[in-house]
Protein backbone atom coordinates (compact mmCIF):
# COMPACT_ATOMS: atom_id res chain seq x y z
CA MET A 1 197.99 208.64 313.86
CA THR A 2 195.99 211.97 312.37
CA THR A 3 192.50 212.31 312.51
CA VAL A 4 190.55 213.82 309.35
CA PRO A 5 187.56 215.98 310.64
CA PRO A 6 184.30 215.26 308.81
CA ASN A 7 183.62 216.89 305.64
CA SER A 8 187.33 217.14 304.82
CA LEU A 9 189.02 216.84 301.43
CA VAL A 10 192.16 215.86 301.00
CA ALA A 11 194.48 216.11 297.85
CA CYS A 12 196.33 212.67 297.74
CA LEU A 13 198.85 213.89 295.59
CA GLU A 14 199.83 217.26 295.01
CA SER A 15 203.21 218.24 293.31
CA TYR A 16 205.64 220.24 294.28
CA MET A 17 209.25 221.54 292.96
CA ASN A 18 212.46 222.50 295.13
CA PRO A 19 212.72 226.22 294.16
CA ALA A 20 216.80 225.58 293.87
CA LEU A 21 216.28 222.94 291.16
CA PRO A 22 217.11 224.50 287.65
CA VAL A 23 215.00 224.70 285.20
CA GLY A 24 216.98 225.60 282.10
CA THR A 25 215.64 226.25 278.97
CA LEU A 26 214.79 224.83 275.49
CA LEU A 27 218.07 225.31 274.35
CA SER A 28 219.63 223.30 276.88
CA ASN A 29 222.92 221.04 276.09
CA ASP A 30 222.24 218.74 278.65
CA ALA A 31 219.67 216.30 276.52
CA THR A 32 219.45 214.06 280.03
CA ALA A 33 217.99 216.75 282.26
CA PRO A 34 214.56 217.05 283.23
CA ALA A 35 212.70 219.03 280.35
CA LEU A 36 211.38 221.10 283.44
CA HIS A 37 211.48 224.57 280.66
CA LEU A 38 207.98 222.75 279.65
CA ILE A 39 206.08 223.88 282.41
CA PRO A 40 204.44 227.37 282.07
CA ALA A 41 205.85 229.95 284.57
CA PRO A 42 202.37 230.09 286.28
CA THR A 43 203.01 226.68 287.29
CA LEU A 44 206.11 226.82 288.05
CA ALA A 45 205.53 229.48 290.62
CA LYS A 46 202.81 227.45 292.04
CA LEU A 47 204.71 224.35 292.14
CA ARG A 48 207.57 226.03 294.42
CA ASN A 49 205.04 227.78 296.67
CA LEU A 50 204.29 226.40 300.20
CA GLY A 51 203.09 229.31 301.51
CA PRO A 52 199.93 231.61 301.34
CA ALA A 53 199.09 231.48 297.63
CA ARG A 54 198.79 227.44 297.84
CA THR A 55 196.86 227.23 301.03
CA LYS A 56 194.53 230.13 299.31
CA ASP A 57 194.34 227.60 296.08
CA MET A 58 193.38 225.37 298.81
CA ARG A 59 190.62 226.51 300.15
CA SER A 60 189.17 227.68 297.10
CA LEU A 61 188.99 224.01 295.96
CA GLY A 62 187.97 223.06 299.22
CA TYR A 63 190.72 221.20 300.15
CA THR A 64 191.56 221.00 304.16
CA LYS A 65 194.75 219.19 303.56
CA GLN A 66 197.62 218.13 300.68
CA ILE A 67 199.82 215.46 300.64
CA LEU A 68 202.76 216.63 298.66
CA SER A 69 205.53 214.94 296.74
CA HIS A 70 208.10 216.35 294.38
CA ILE A 71 207.77 216.22 290.99
CA PRO A 72 209.31 212.85 289.55
CA ILE A 73 212.74 213.28 288.85
CA GLU A 74 215.96 211.10 288.75
CA ALA A 75 218.12 212.28 291.93
CA ASN A 76 221.00 210.73 293.93
CA ALA A 77 220.66 209.94 297.73
CA SER A 78 222.31 213.15 298.69
CA THR A 79 219.77 215.42 296.48
CA CYS A 80 216.80 213.75 297.80
CA ALA A 81 217.83 214.45 301.48
CA LYS A 82 218.51 218.21 300.43
CA PHE A 83 214.98 218.33 299.00
CA ASN A 84 212.99 216.72 301.36
CA ASN A 85 214.94 218.23 304.29
CA ALA A 86 214.03 221.54 302.77
CA LEU A 87 210.42 220.30 302.01
CA TYR A 88 210.13 219.34 305.36
CA ALA A 89 211.15 222.56 307.05
CA SER A 90 208.72 224.47 304.42
CA ILE A 91 205.58 222.87 305.88
CA GLN A 92 206.50 223.18 309.45
CA LEU A 93 204.45 225.90 309.66
CA ASN A 94 201.28 224.28 308.20
CA THR A 95 201.50 220.48 309.01
CA ASP A 96 197.41 220.84 309.59
CA LYS A 97 197.53 221.75 305.89
CA PHE A 98 200.59 219.81 304.86
CA ALA A 99 201.75 216.38 304.72
CA ALA A 100 204.31 214.87 302.65
CA LEU A 101 205.74 212.20 300.50
CA ALA A 102 209.58 211.46 300.38
CA MET A 103 211.90 212.01 297.32
CA LEU A 104 213.47 208.66 297.31
CA PRO A 105 216.95 207.90 295.04
CA THR A 106 216.23 205.23 292.28
CA GLU A 107 218.66 202.78 293.94
CA GLY A 108 216.59 200.40 296.18
CA LYS A 109 218.83 200.53 299.54
CA GLU A 110 219.39 204.16 299.40
CA ALA A 111 215.83 204.58 298.75
CA ALA A 112 214.87 202.42 302.19
CA LYS A 113 217.25 204.84 303.98
CA GLU A 114 215.99 207.73 302.74
CA LEU A 115 212.76 206.47 303.70
CA GLN A 116 213.18 205.63 307.26
CA ARG A 117 214.84 208.72 307.77
CA CYS A 118 211.96 210.65 306.47
CA VAL A 119 209.35 208.65 307.99
CA THR A 120 211.08 208.61 311.51
CA LYS A 121 212.39 211.80 311.45
CA MET A 122 210.23 214.22 309.66
CA LYS A 123 206.70 212.01 309.97
CA PHE A 124 206.78 212.07 306.28
CA VAL A 125 203.73 209.63 305.24
CA GLY A 126 205.29 207.72 302.62
CA GLY A 127 207.56 208.03 299.70
CA VAL A 128 207.80 208.42 295.92
CA VAL A 129 209.90 206.40 293.42
CA ALA A 130 210.53 207.70 289.98
CA SER A 131 210.29 205.77 287.28
CA ARG A 132 210.70 205.34 283.65
CA CYS A 133 207.73 204.09 281.62
CA GLY A 134 207.75 200.29 281.73
CA ALA A 135 210.62 200.00 283.93
CA SER A 136 210.77 197.34 286.24
CA LEU A 137 211.09 197.61 290.21
CA HIS A 138 211.71 194.29 291.29
CA GLU A 139 215.17 193.94 291.63
CA GLY A 140 217.13 195.86 294.34
CA TYR A 141 213.71 197.08 295.65
CA ASP A 142 213.13 194.39 298.36
CA GLU A 143 214.76 196.53 301.05
CA LEU A 144 212.56 199.55 300.13
CA TRP A 145 209.49 197.58 300.19
CA ASP A 146 210.36 195.75 303.51
CA THR A 147 211.16 199.51 305.01
CA ALA A 148 207.34 200.54 303.51
CA GLU A 149 205.87 197.74 305.25
CA LYS A 150 207.72 197.93 308.63
CA TYR A 151 206.37 201.19 309.18
CA ARG A 152 203.05 200.99 307.20
CA VAL A 153 203.70 203.75 304.76
CA PRO A 154 202.46 203.81 300.72
CA ILE A 155 205.41 204.03 297.89
CA VAL A 156 203.97 205.67 294.83
CA VAL A 157 205.63 204.93 291.62
CA ARG A 158 205.40 208.28 289.44
CA GLU A 159 206.61 208.09 285.90
CA LEU A 160 209.60 210.32 285.80
CA TRP A 161 209.65 213.85 284.13
CA PRO A 162 210.69 213.61 280.51
CA THR A 163 214.08 214.70 279.87
CA GLY A 164 215.30 216.96 276.85
CA ALA A 165 216.23 213.56 274.87
CA GLU A 166 212.32 212.51 275.02
CA VAL A 167 210.56 215.44 274.50
């Protein structure tokens, strides 16, 4: 278990966005796609950056560590694995500055598999399930809750980024 030095300030839920995720435009025809075009360009640049610019911002805010998670979007198991692998690779040079929460698919059994893979192979510190506002996560998630309990890691439930139809 990692110890935190005295007088440390840890940002517990910092957003990240995989640079490969297409942002689209207001004129996008896909009403089910996340409305990422609503994010201003300077913010997009910060969300996609896990290098010196982010660590500089951390220093200026007094943070010693960030717990990163992908912005909450709906994704299948293979996309989650791809994005989690990329996040893992991006933080390897700064493991003292960054830890990660796994982006989990919305299907409970697949979410449990991805959580186990990320926690055991990449040392992620938990996972994130994206959910529609008011949606229930009771049915089909027993395996995910059991996996989280087995590895003693938290699961964060975050509201999905709005889609074009919801904007």
